[in-house]
């Protein structure tokens, strides 16, 4: 579904609950750490700043979770073509499993930064949690749209320079899967 003149591409409730739960189960086996901000070439290393981002993350590995890399790559390709962005993508970063507990959030930010493997051009978010299991935690874009993403299994692909956030979770735990796709700098 195309929204807001190609600002993002969305598949609502696309990933079945049983697959969402399988991703959660696998994600909970990962090494989970406090999430960093500013982890790009502008800084020597990322830093933890709970005034901007309060969540925990783990990263999937291509050797043990190849199916997940392929799944995400497929959605990125479809969105890149169907939204007519046609960005030059040549690499995929490790998918991030994110946990938002009570009072966890991520303020408005962009994903589009330079990394060792190129510039982040497209971002993907999949909401893994059943929305009846948590309150708050809505994924929203800064553009003022009324669209709020909370349905389990919803896949959202968008250019990495679009500002977005996750509202504070007020009850329960919200799990999501995030991935970035890189390529040469825009010309």
N, C-alpha and C. Protein backbone atom coordinates (compact mmCIF):
# COMPACT_ATOMS: atom_id res chain seq x y z
N UNK A 1 0.85 -1.17 0.00
CA UNK A 1 0.00 0.00 0.00
C UNK A 1 0.89 1.23 0.00
N UNK A 2 0.66 2.14 -0.89
CA UNK A 2 1.43 3.36 -0.98
C UNK A 2 0.78 4.45 -0.16
N UNK A 3 1.55 5.11 0.66
CA UNK A 3 1.04 6.17 1.52
C UNK A 3 1.84 7.44 1.31
N UNK A 4 1.19 8.56 1.41
CA UNK A 4 1.81 9.88 1.45
C UNK A 4 2.88 10.06 0.37
N UNK A 5 2.48 9.87 -0.89
CA UNK A 5 3.37 10.07 -2.02
C UNK A 5 4.72 9.38 -1.82
N UNK A 6 4.70 8.14 -1.50
CA UNK A 6 5.89 7.29 -1.38
C UNK A 6 6.76 7.58 -0.18
N UNK A 7 6.20 8.19 0.87
CA UNK A 7 7.00 8.40 2.07
C UNK A 7 7.32 7.06 2.73
N UNK A 8 6.40 6.10 2.64
CA UNK A 8 6.66 4.78 3.17
C UNK A 8 5.80 3.77 2.42
N UNK A 9 6.15 2.52 2.57
CA UNK A 9 5.40 1.41 2.01
C UNK A 9 5.05 0.49 3.16
N UNK A 10 3.80 0.06 3.22
CA UNK A 10 3.33 -0.71 4.37
C UNK A 10 2.56 -1.95 3.93
N UNK A 11 2.79 -3.04 4.69
CA UNK A 11 1.96 -4.24 4.61
C UNK A 11 1.39 -4.43 6.00
N UNK A 12 0.10 -4.22 6.17
CA UNK A 12 -0.53 -4.32 7.48
C UNK A 12 -0.79 -5.78 7.82
N UNK A 13 -0.40 -6.20 9.01
CA UNK A 13 -0.60 -7.57 9.51
C UNK A 13 -0.09 -8.62 8.53
N UNK A 14 1.04 -8.35 7.90
CA UNK A 14 1.61 -9.20 6.86
C UNK A 14 2.24 -10.48 7.41
N UNK A 15 3.01 -10.37 8.47
CA UNK A 15 3.73 -11.51 9.03
C UNK A 15 2.81 -12.22 10.02
N UNK A 16 2.54 -13.50 9.81
CA UNK A 16 1.63 -14.22 10.70
C UNK A 16 2.12 -14.23 12.15
N UNK A 17 1.19 -14.24 13.11
CA UNK A 17 1.58 -14.24 14.52
C UNK A 17 2.56 -15.36 14.89
N UNK A 18 2.42 -16.53 14.30
CA UNK A 18 3.33 -17.63 14.65
C UNK A 18 4.76 -17.33 14.21
N UNK A 19 4.93 -16.62 13.10
CA UNK A 19 6.27 -16.23 12.65
C UNK A 19 6.80 -15.10 13.52
N UNK A 20 5.93 -14.15 13.87
CA UNK A 20 6.35 -13.08 14.81
C UNK A 20 6.85 -13.69 16.11
N UNK A 21 6.14 -14.67 16.62
CA UNK A 21 6.55 -15.31 17.88
C UNK A 21 7.86 -16.05 17.72
N UNK A 22 8.08 -16.68 16.57
CA UNK A 22 9.34 -17.38 16.32
C UNK A 22 10.51 -16.39 16.30
N UNK A 23 10.29 -15.21 15.72
CA UNK A 23 11.33 -14.18 15.70
C UNK A 23 11.60 -13.68 17.13
N UNK A 24 10.54 -13.46 17.90
CA UNK A 24 10.70 -13.05 19.29
C UNK A 24 11.49 -14.10 20.07
N UNK A 25 11.10 -15.36 19.93
CA UNK A 25 11.79 -16.44 20.65
C UNK A 25 13.27 -16.48 20.30
N UNK A 26 13.58 -16.34 19.02
CA UNK A 26 14.98 -16.34 18.59
C UNK A 26 15.69 -15.07 19.09
N UNK A 27 15.00 -13.93 19.03
CA UNK A 27 15.58 -12.67 19.50
C UNK A 27 15.94 -12.70 20.97
N UNK A 28 15.12 -13.36 21.76
CA UNK A 28 15.38 -13.45 23.19
C UNK A 28 16.59 -14.31 23.52
N UNK A 29 17.08 -15.06 22.54
CA UNK A 29 18.29 -15.87 22.71
C UNK A 29 19.57 -15.08 22.39
N UNK A 30 19.42 -13.91 21.78
CA UNK A 30 20.56 -13.09 21.40
C UNK A 30 21.18 -12.41 22.62
N UNK A 31 22.38 -11.94 22.46
CA UNK A 31 22.99 -11.09 23.49
C UNK A 31 22.27 -9.74 23.42
N UNK A 32 21.62 -9.36 24.50
CA UNK A 32 20.83 -8.13 24.54
C UNK A 32 21.60 -7.08 25.34
N UNK A 33 21.70 -5.87 24.77
CA UNK A 33 22.42 -4.77 25.41
C UNK A 33 21.58 -3.50 25.33
N UNK A 34 21.94 -2.50 26.14
CA UNK A 34 21.29 -1.20 26.03
C UNK A 34 21.58 -0.61 24.66
N UNK A 35 20.56 -0.03 24.05
CA UNK A 35 20.70 0.54 22.70
C UNK A 35 21.52 1.82 22.74
N UNK A 36 22.29 2.02 21.69
CA UNK A 36 23.13 3.20 21.56
C UNK A 36 22.50 4.20 20.59
N UNK A 37 22.97 5.43 20.66
CA UNK A 37 22.62 6.45 19.67
C UNK A 37 23.93 6.98 19.10
N UNK A 38 23.86 7.55 17.91
CA UNK A 38 25.05 8.15 17.31
C UNK A 38 26.07 7.14 16.83
N UNK A 39 25.66 5.93 16.53
CA UNK A 39 26.59 4.90 16.09
C UNK A 39 26.78 5.00 14.57
N UNK A 40 27.60 5.96 14.15
CA UNK A 40 27.91 6.13 12.72
C UNK A 40 29.31 6.71 12.61
N UNK A 41 29.74 7.04 11.42
CA UNK A 41 31.10 7.49 11.22
C UNK A 41 31.39 8.87 11.80
N UNK A 42 30.37 9.60 12.24
CA UNK A 42 30.60 10.89 12.88
C UNK A 42 31.20 10.71 14.28
N UNK A 43 31.07 9.55 14.85
CA UNK A 43 31.53 9.29 16.21
C UNK A 43 32.48 8.09 16.17
N UNK A 44 33.39 8.05 17.14
CA UNK A 44 34.28 6.89 17.23
C UNK A 44 33.49 5.63 17.55
N UNK A 45 32.47 5.79 18.40
CA UNK A 45 31.61 4.66 18.74
C UNK A 45 30.28 5.20 19.22
N UNK A 46 29.28 4.36 19.29
CA UNK A 46 27.97 4.78 19.76
C UNK A 46 28.00 5.09 21.25
N UNK A 47 26.97 5.77 21.70
CA UNK A 47 26.89 6.08 23.12
C UNK A 47 25.48 5.79 23.60
N UNK A 48 25.34 5.55 24.87
CA UNK A 48 24.03 5.31 25.47
C UNK A 48 23.54 6.65 26.01
N UNK A 49 22.34 7.04 25.58
CA UNK A 49 21.74 8.29 26.03
C UNK A 49 20.25 8.04 26.23
N UNK A 50 19.87 7.72 27.47
CA UNK A 50 18.48 7.37 27.76
C UNK A 50 17.52 8.54 27.65
N UNK A 51 18.01 9.75 27.45
CA UNK A 51 17.11 10.87 27.21
C UNK A 51 16.62 10.89 25.76
N UNK A 52 17.32 10.17 24.89
CA UNK A 52 16.96 10.09 23.47
C UNK A 52 16.38 8.72 23.13
N UNK A 53 17.00 7.70 23.68
CA UNK A 53 16.62 6.32 23.35
C UNK A 53 16.79 5.45 24.58
N UNK A 54 15.72 4.78 24.95
CA UNK A 54 15.77 3.84 26.06
C UNK A 54 15.14 2.54 25.58
N UNK A 55 15.97 1.64 25.15
CA UNK A 55 15.52 0.33 24.68
C UNK A 55 16.70 -0.62 24.76
N UNK A 56 16.43 -1.89 24.50
CA UNK A 56 17.48 -2.89 24.48
C UNK A 56 17.46 -3.59 23.14
N UNK A 57 18.65 -3.97 22.66
CA UNK A 57 18.76 -4.54 21.32
C UNK A 57 19.69 -5.75 21.31
N UNK A 58 19.46 -6.59 20.31
CA UNK A 58 20.34 -7.69 19.98
C UNK A 58 20.37 -7.78 18.45
N UNK A 59 21.43 -8.37 17.91
CA UNK A 59 21.58 -8.42 16.46
C UNK A 59 21.65 -9.86 15.96
N UNK A 60 20.87 -10.13 14.92
CA UNK A 60 20.85 -11.45 14.31
C UNK A 60 22.10 -11.64 13.46
N UNK A 61 22.47 -12.89 13.26
CA UNK A 61 23.68 -13.26 12.55
C UNK A 61 23.32 -13.97 11.25
N UNK A 62 23.99 -13.60 10.17
CA UNK A 62 23.70 -14.19 8.86
C UNK A 62 23.97 -15.69 8.83
N UNK A 63 24.91 -16.17 9.63
CA UNK A 63 25.24 -17.60 9.62
C UNK A 63 24.12 -18.44 10.24
N UNK A 64 23.51 -17.94 11.31
CA UNK A 64 22.50 -18.73 12.01
C UNK A 64 21.06 -18.31 11.69
N UNK A 65 20.88 -17.13 11.12
CA UNK A 65 19.53 -16.59 10.88
C UNK A 65 19.36 -16.13 9.43
N UNK A 66 19.95 -16.86 8.49
CA UNK A 66 19.92 -16.46 7.08
C UNK A 66 18.49 -16.25 6.57
N UNK A 67 17.56 -17.07 7.01
CA UNK A 67 16.17 -16.96 6.54
C UNK A 67 15.60 -15.58 6.83
N UNK A 68 16.00 -14.99 7.95
CA UNK A 68 15.49 -13.68 8.34
C UNK A 68 16.08 -12.59 7.43
N UNK A 69 17.35 -12.71 7.10
CA UNK A 69 17.98 -11.77 6.17
C UNK A 69 17.25 -11.81 4.82
N UNK A 70 16.96 -13.01 4.32
CA UNK A 70 16.27 -13.15 3.03
C UNK A 70 14.85 -12.58 3.09
N UNK A 71 14.14 -12.84 4.16
CA UNK A 71 12.79 -12.32 4.33
C UNK A 71 12.79 -10.79 4.25
N UNK A 72 13.68 -10.16 5.00
CA UNK A 72 13.75 -8.71 5.03
C UNK A 72 14.20 -8.12 3.69
N UNK A 73 15.17 -8.77 3.06
CA UNK A 73 15.64 -8.31 1.75
C UNK A 73 14.49 -8.31 0.74
N UNK A 74 13.65 -9.33 0.80
CA UNK A 74 12.51 -9.41 -0.12
C UNK A 74 11.53 -8.25 0.04
N UNK A 75 11.21 -7.90 1.27
CA UNK A 75 10.31 -6.77 1.51
C UNK A 75 10.94 -5.45 1.07
N UNK A 76 12.24 -5.31 1.33
CA UNK A 76 12.94 -4.10 0.89
C UNK A 76 12.87 -3.97 -0.62
N UNK A 77 13.14 -5.06 -1.34
CA UNK A 77 13.11 -5.01 -2.80
C UNK A 77 11.73 -4.63 -3.33
N UNK A 78 10.70 -5.26 -2.80
CA UNK A 78 9.33 -4.95 -3.25
C UNK A 78 8.99 -3.49 -3.02
N UNK A 79 9.30 -2.98 -1.84
CA UNK A 79 8.99 -1.58 -1.53
C UNK A 79 9.81 -0.64 -2.40
N UNK A 80 11.09 -0.92 -2.58
CA UNK A 80 11.96 -0.05 -3.37
C UNK A 80 11.46 0.09 -4.80
N UNK A 81 10.95 -1.01 -5.34
CA UNK A 81 10.40 -1.00 -6.71
C UNK A 81 9.01 -0.39 -6.73
N UNK A 82 8.11 -0.88 -5.88
CA UNK A 82 6.71 -0.45 -5.93
C UNK A 82 6.52 1.02 -5.55
N UNK A 83 7.35 1.53 -4.64
CA UNK A 83 7.25 2.94 -4.26
C UNK A 83 8.00 3.84 -5.25
N UNK A 84 8.69 3.19 -6.19
CA UNK A 84 9.44 3.90 -7.23
C UNK A 84 10.58 4.75 -6.67
N UNK A 85 11.13 4.33 -5.51
CA UNK A 85 12.32 4.99 -5.01
C UNK A 85 13.51 4.61 -5.88
N UNK A 86 13.61 3.31 -6.19
CA UNK A 86 14.70 2.77 -7.01
C UNK A 86 16.07 3.17 -6.49
N UNK A 87 16.25 3.12 -5.17
CA UNK A 87 17.54 3.43 -4.57
C UNK A 87 18.55 2.34 -4.92
N UNK A 88 19.79 2.73 -5.07
CA UNK A 88 20.89 1.80 -5.33
C UNK A 88 21.28 1.16 -3.99
N UNK A 89 20.85 -0.09 -3.80
CA UNK A 89 21.10 -0.83 -2.56
C UNK A 89 22.06 -1.97 -2.87
N UNK A 90 23.13 -2.08 -2.07
CA UNK A 90 24.07 -3.17 -2.32
C UNK A 90 24.45 -3.96 -1.07
N UNK A 91 23.88 -3.58 0.08
CA UNK A 91 24.25 -4.27 1.30
C UNK A 91 23.13 -4.21 2.33
N UNK A 92 23.16 -5.14 3.24
CA UNK A 92 22.17 -5.23 4.31
C UNK A 92 22.92 -5.35 5.64
N UNK A 93 22.56 -4.52 6.60
CA UNK A 93 23.17 -4.62 7.92
C UNK A 93 22.48 -5.72 8.72
N UNK A 94 23.09 -6.18 9.80
CA UNK A 94 22.44 -7.22 10.61
C UNK A 94 21.10 -6.72 11.17
N UNK A 95 20.05 -7.51 11.06
CA UNK A 95 18.75 -7.12 11.64
C UNK A 95 18.86 -6.97 13.15
N UNK A 96 18.14 -5.98 13.65
CA UNK A 96 18.15 -5.65 15.08
C UNK A 96 16.83 -6.07 15.72
N UNK A 97 16.93 -6.85 16.78
CA UNK A 97 15.78 -7.21 17.61
C UNK A 97 15.73 -6.18 18.73
N UNK A 98 14.60 -5.48 18.88
CA UNK A 98 14.50 -4.40 19.86
C UNK A 98 13.41 -4.70 20.87
N UNK A 99 13.75 -4.46 22.13
CA UNK A 99 12.82 -4.65 23.25
C UNK A 99 12.54 -3.29 23.88
N UNK A 100 11.24 -2.99 23.99
CA UNK A 100 10.79 -1.79 24.69
C UNK A 100 9.95 -2.23 25.88
N UNK A 101 10.49 -2.06 27.08
CA UNK A 101 9.74 -2.35 28.30
C UNK A 101 9.05 -1.07 28.76
N UNK A 102 8.37 -1.14 29.90
CA UNK A 102 7.67 0.04 30.43
C UNK A 102 8.63 1.23 30.52
N UNK A 103 8.17 2.37 30.01
CA UNK A 103 8.91 3.64 29.98
C UNK A 103 10.05 3.66 28.96
N UNK A 104 10.20 2.63 28.16
CA UNK A 104 11.20 2.63 27.08
C UNK A 104 10.60 3.34 25.87
N UNK A 105 11.46 4.01 25.08
CA UNK A 105 11.03 4.78 23.91
C UNK A 105 12.24 5.04 23.03
N UNK A 106 12.00 5.65 21.87
CA UNK A 106 13.06 6.16 21.01
C UNK A 106 12.54 7.44 20.38
N UNK A 107 13.10 8.59 20.75
CA UNK A 107 12.63 9.89 20.28
C UNK A 107 12.86 10.03 18.77
N UNK A 108 12.34 11.11 18.19
CA UNK A 108 12.48 11.33 16.76
C UNK A 108 13.94 11.25 16.34
N UNK A 109 14.18 10.55 15.23
CA UNK A 109 15.53 10.36 14.71
C UNK A 109 15.45 9.94 13.26
N UNK A 110 16.58 10.00 12.60
CA UNK A 110 16.75 9.48 11.24
C UNK A 110 17.70 8.29 11.31
N UNK A 111 17.54 7.35 10.40
CA UNK A 111 18.45 6.22 10.33
C UNK A 111 19.53 6.45 9.28
N UNK A 112 19.32 7.42 8.40
CA UNK A 112 20.19 7.62 7.24
C UNK A 112 21.54 8.19 7.56
N UNK A 113 22.46 7.36 7.97
CA UNK A 113 23.81 7.78 8.28
C UNK A 113 24.81 6.91 7.53
N UNK A 114 26.03 7.38 7.49
CA UNK A 114 27.09 6.59 6.85
C UNK A 114 27.64 5.57 7.83
N UNK A 115 27.90 4.39 7.32
CA UNK A 115 28.50 3.30 8.09
C UNK A 115 29.61 2.70 7.24
N UNK A 116 30.32 1.77 7.81
CA UNK A 116 31.44 1.15 7.10
C UNK A 116 31.01 0.57 5.76
N UNK A 117 29.79 0.08 5.67
CA UNK A 117 29.33 -0.58 4.45
C UNK A 117 28.50 0.35 3.56
N UNK A 118 28.51 1.66 3.80
CA UNK A 118 27.81 2.59 2.93
C UNK A 118 26.80 3.43 3.68
N UNK A 119 25.97 4.12 2.92
CA UNK A 119 24.95 4.99 3.49
C UNK A 119 23.65 4.22 3.66
N UNK A 120 23.05 4.36 4.84
CA UNK A 120 21.73 3.76 5.03
C UNK A 120 20.73 4.49 4.15
N UNK A 121 20.03 3.73 3.31
CA UNK A 121 19.08 4.32 2.38
C UNK A 121 17.65 3.92 2.67
N UNK A 122 17.43 2.65 3.01
CA UNK A 122 16.09 2.18 3.34
C UNK A 122 16.11 1.50 4.69
N UNK A 123 15.05 1.75 5.45
CA UNK A 123 14.87 1.13 6.76
C UNK A 123 13.60 0.30 6.73
N UNK A 124 13.59 -0.75 7.51
CA UNK A 124 12.40 -1.58 7.62
C UNK A 124 12.13 -1.84 9.11
N UNK A 125 10.87 -1.77 9.47
CA UNK A 125 10.45 -2.09 10.83
C UNK A 125 9.31 -3.09 10.75
N UNK A 126 9.40 -4.13 11.56
CA UNK A 126 8.30 -5.09 11.67
C UNK A 126 7.88 -5.12 13.13
N UNK A 127 6.61 -4.89 13.37
CA UNK A 127 6.06 -4.92 14.73
C UNK A 127 5.75 -6.38 15.06
N UNK A 128 6.45 -6.91 16.05
CA UNK A 128 6.35 -8.33 16.38
C UNK A 128 5.32 -8.63 17.46
N UNK A 129 5.05 -7.68 18.34
CA UNK A 129 4.19 -7.93 19.49
C UNK A 129 2.71 -7.80 19.15
N UNK A 130 1.92 -8.61 19.83
CA UNK A 130 0.47 -8.48 19.79
C UNK A 130 0.11 -7.18 20.52
N UNK A 131 -0.63 -6.26 19.89
CA UNK A 131 -0.91 -4.97 20.52
C UNK A 131 -1.75 -5.07 21.79
N UNK A 132 -2.35 -6.22 22.06
CA UNK A 132 -3.09 -6.37 23.31
C UNK A 132 -2.15 -6.67 24.48
N UNK A 133 -0.87 -6.90 24.19
CA UNK A 133 0.11 -7.25 25.22
C UNK A 133 0.90 -6.05 25.75
N UNK A 134 0.64 -4.86 25.17
CA UNK A 134 1.33 -3.67 25.65
C UNK A 134 0.50 -2.43 25.33
N UNK A 135 0.79 -1.34 26.04
CA UNK A 135 0.16 -0.04 25.77
C UNK A 135 1.25 0.94 25.42
N UNK A 136 0.90 1.95 24.61
CA UNK A 136 1.90 2.90 24.13
C UNK A 136 2.75 2.23 23.07
N UNK A 137 3.97 2.72 22.90
CA UNK A 137 4.90 2.08 21.98
C UNK A 137 4.55 2.21 20.51
N UNK A 138 3.75 3.21 20.15
CA UNK A 138 3.35 3.37 18.75
C UNK A 138 4.53 3.87 17.92
N UNK A 139 4.66 3.32 16.72
CA UNK A 139 5.65 3.78 15.74
C UNK A 139 4.98 4.86 14.92
N UNK A 140 5.59 6.05 14.86
CA UNK A 140 4.99 7.15 14.09
C UNK A 140 6.07 7.94 13.34
N UNK A 141 5.63 8.59 12.27
CA UNK A 141 6.50 9.47 11.51
C UNK A 141 6.31 10.90 11.99
N UNK A 142 7.32 11.73 11.84
CA UNK A 142 7.28 13.11 12.32
C UNK A 142 6.41 14.02 11.47
N UNK A 143 6.02 13.60 10.30
CA UNK A 143 5.32 14.47 9.36
C UNK A 143 3.92 14.89 9.80
N UNK A 144 3.47 14.42 10.96
CA UNK A 144 2.16 14.81 11.44
C UNK A 144 1.01 13.96 10.93
N UNK A 145 1.32 12.93 10.19
CA UNK A 145 0.28 12.03 9.71
C UNK A 145 -0.44 11.39 10.89
N UNK A 146 -1.70 11.07 10.69
CA UNK A 146 -2.47 10.42 11.74
C UNK A 146 -2.17 8.92 11.83
N UNK A 147 -1.46 8.40 10.85
CA UNK A 147 -1.14 6.97 10.80
C UNK A 147 -0.28 6.57 11.99
N UNK A 148 -0.77 5.63 12.75
CA UNK A 148 -0.02 5.08 13.88
C UNK A 148 0.07 3.58 13.64
N UNK A 149 1.27 3.06 13.72
CA UNK A 149 1.49 1.65 13.43
C UNK A 149 1.63 0.88 14.73
N UNK A 150 0.74 -0.10 14.91
CA UNK A 150 0.79 -0.89 16.13
C UNK A 150 0.40 -2.35 15.89
N UNK A 151 -0.15 -2.68 14.74
CA UNK A 151 -0.64 -4.04 14.50
C UNK A 151 0.50 -5.04 14.38
N UNK A 152 0.34 -6.17 15.03
CA UNK A 152 1.33 -7.24 14.96
C UNK A 152 1.51 -7.69 13.53
N UNK A 153 2.76 -7.89 13.14
CA UNK A 153 3.07 -8.38 11.80
C UNK A 153 3.11 -7.31 10.73
N UNK A 154 2.91 -6.05 11.10
CA UNK A 154 2.95 -4.98 10.12
C UNK A 154 4.39 -4.71 9.71
N UNK A 155 4.61 -4.61 8.40
CA UNK A 155 5.91 -4.34 7.82
C UNK A 155 5.88 -2.92 7.25
N UNK A 156 6.85 -2.10 7.65
CA UNK A 156 6.92 -0.72 7.18
C UNK A 156 8.32 -0.51 6.60
N UNK A 157 8.39 -0.08 5.33
CA UNK A 157 9.66 0.24 4.69
C UNK A 157 9.63 1.72 4.34
N UNK A 158 10.73 2.42 4.61
CA UNK A 158 10.76 3.86 4.35
C UNK A 158 12.20 4.32 4.13
N UNK A 159 12.37 5.44 3.41
CA UNK A 159 13.71 5.99 3.24
C UNK A 159 14.30 6.33 4.61
N UNK A 160 15.55 6.01 4.80
CA UNK A 160 16.18 6.13 6.12
C UNK A 160 16.33 7.57 6.60
N UNK A 161 16.13 8.54 5.71
CA UNK A 161 16.22 9.94 6.13
C UNK A 161 14.90 10.48 6.66
N UNK A 162 13.83 9.69 6.66
CA UNK A 162 12.53 10.10 7.20
C UNK A 162 12.58 9.99 8.73
N UNK A 163 12.26 11.08 9.41
CA UNK A 163 12.29 11.08 10.88
C UNK A 163 11.09 10.30 11.42
N UNK A 164 11.35 9.53 12.47
CA UNK A 164 10.33 8.67 13.07
C UNK A 164 10.70 8.42 14.52
N UNK A 165 9.74 7.85 15.26
CA UNK A 165 10.00 7.54 16.67
C UNK A 165 9.12 6.40 17.12
N UNK A 166 9.43 5.91 18.32
CA UNK A 166 8.58 4.95 19.02
C UNK A 166 8.19 5.61 20.34
N UNK A 167 6.89 5.79 20.53
CA UNK A 167 6.39 6.39 21.77
C UNK A 167 6.72 5.50 22.96
N UNK A 168 6.71 6.10 24.12
CA UNK A 168 7.00 5.39 25.36
C UNK A 168 5.97 4.29 25.61
N UNK A 169 6.46 3.13 25.98
CA UNK A 169 5.59 2.02 26.37
C UNK A 169 5.10 2.30 27.79
N UNK A 170 3.79 2.21 28.00
CA UNK A 170 3.23 2.49 29.32
C UNK A 170 2.86 1.23 30.09
N UNK A 171 2.80 0.10 29.39
CA UNK A 171 2.46 -1.17 30.04
C UNK A 171 2.90 -2.31 29.12
N UNK A 172 3.45 -3.36 29.71
CA UNK A 172 3.83 -4.54 28.93
C UNK A 172 5.18 -4.37 28.24
N UNK A 173 5.41 -5.22 27.23
CA UNK A 173 6.67 -5.21 26.48
C UNK A 173 6.34 -5.22 24.99
N UNK A 174 7.02 -4.37 24.24
CA UNK A 174 6.88 -4.29 22.78
C UNK A 174 8.17 -4.80 22.15
N UNK A 175 8.04 -5.73 21.20
CA UNK A 175 9.18 -6.25 20.45
C UNK A 175 9.06 -5.82 18.99
N UNK A 176 10.19 -5.48 18.40
CA UNK A 176 10.19 -5.14 16.97
C UNK A 176 11.47 -5.66 16.33
N UNK A 177 11.42 -5.72 15.02
CA UNK A 177 12.56 -6.11 14.21
C UNK A 177 12.86 -4.94 13.28
N UNK A 178 14.11 -4.51 13.27
CA UNK A 178 14.52 -3.36 12.47
C UNK A 178 15.69 -3.77 11.60
N UNK A 179 15.73 -3.24 10.38
CA UNK A 179 16.85 -3.55 9.48
C UNK A 179 17.11 -2.35 8.58
N UNK A 180 18.38 -2.22 8.16
CA UNK A 180 18.78 -1.12 7.29
C UNK A 180 19.49 -1.67 6.08
N UNK A 181 19.28 -0.97 4.96
CA UNK A 181 19.86 -1.38 3.69
C UNK A 181 20.70 -0.22 3.17
N UNK A 182 21.91 -0.52 2.76
CA UNK A 182 22.88 0.52 2.43
C UNK A 182 23.29 0.49 0.97
N UNK A 183 23.92 1.58 0.56
CA UNK A 183 24.44 1.71 -0.78
C UNK A 183 25.30 2.95 -0.87
N UNK A 184 25.78 3.26 -2.07
CA UNK A 184 26.60 4.46 -2.23
C UNK A 184 25.80 5.71 -1.92
N UNK A 185 26.51 6.78 -1.55
CA UNK A 185 25.85 8.04 -1.19
C UNK A 185 24.97 8.54 -2.33
N UNK A 186 23.89 9.23 -1.97
CA UNK A 186 23.02 9.83 -2.97
C UNK A 186 23.81 10.87 -3.76
N UNK A 187 23.47 10.99 -5.04
CA UNK A 187 24.16 11.99 -5.90
C UNK A 187 23.28 13.18 -6.12
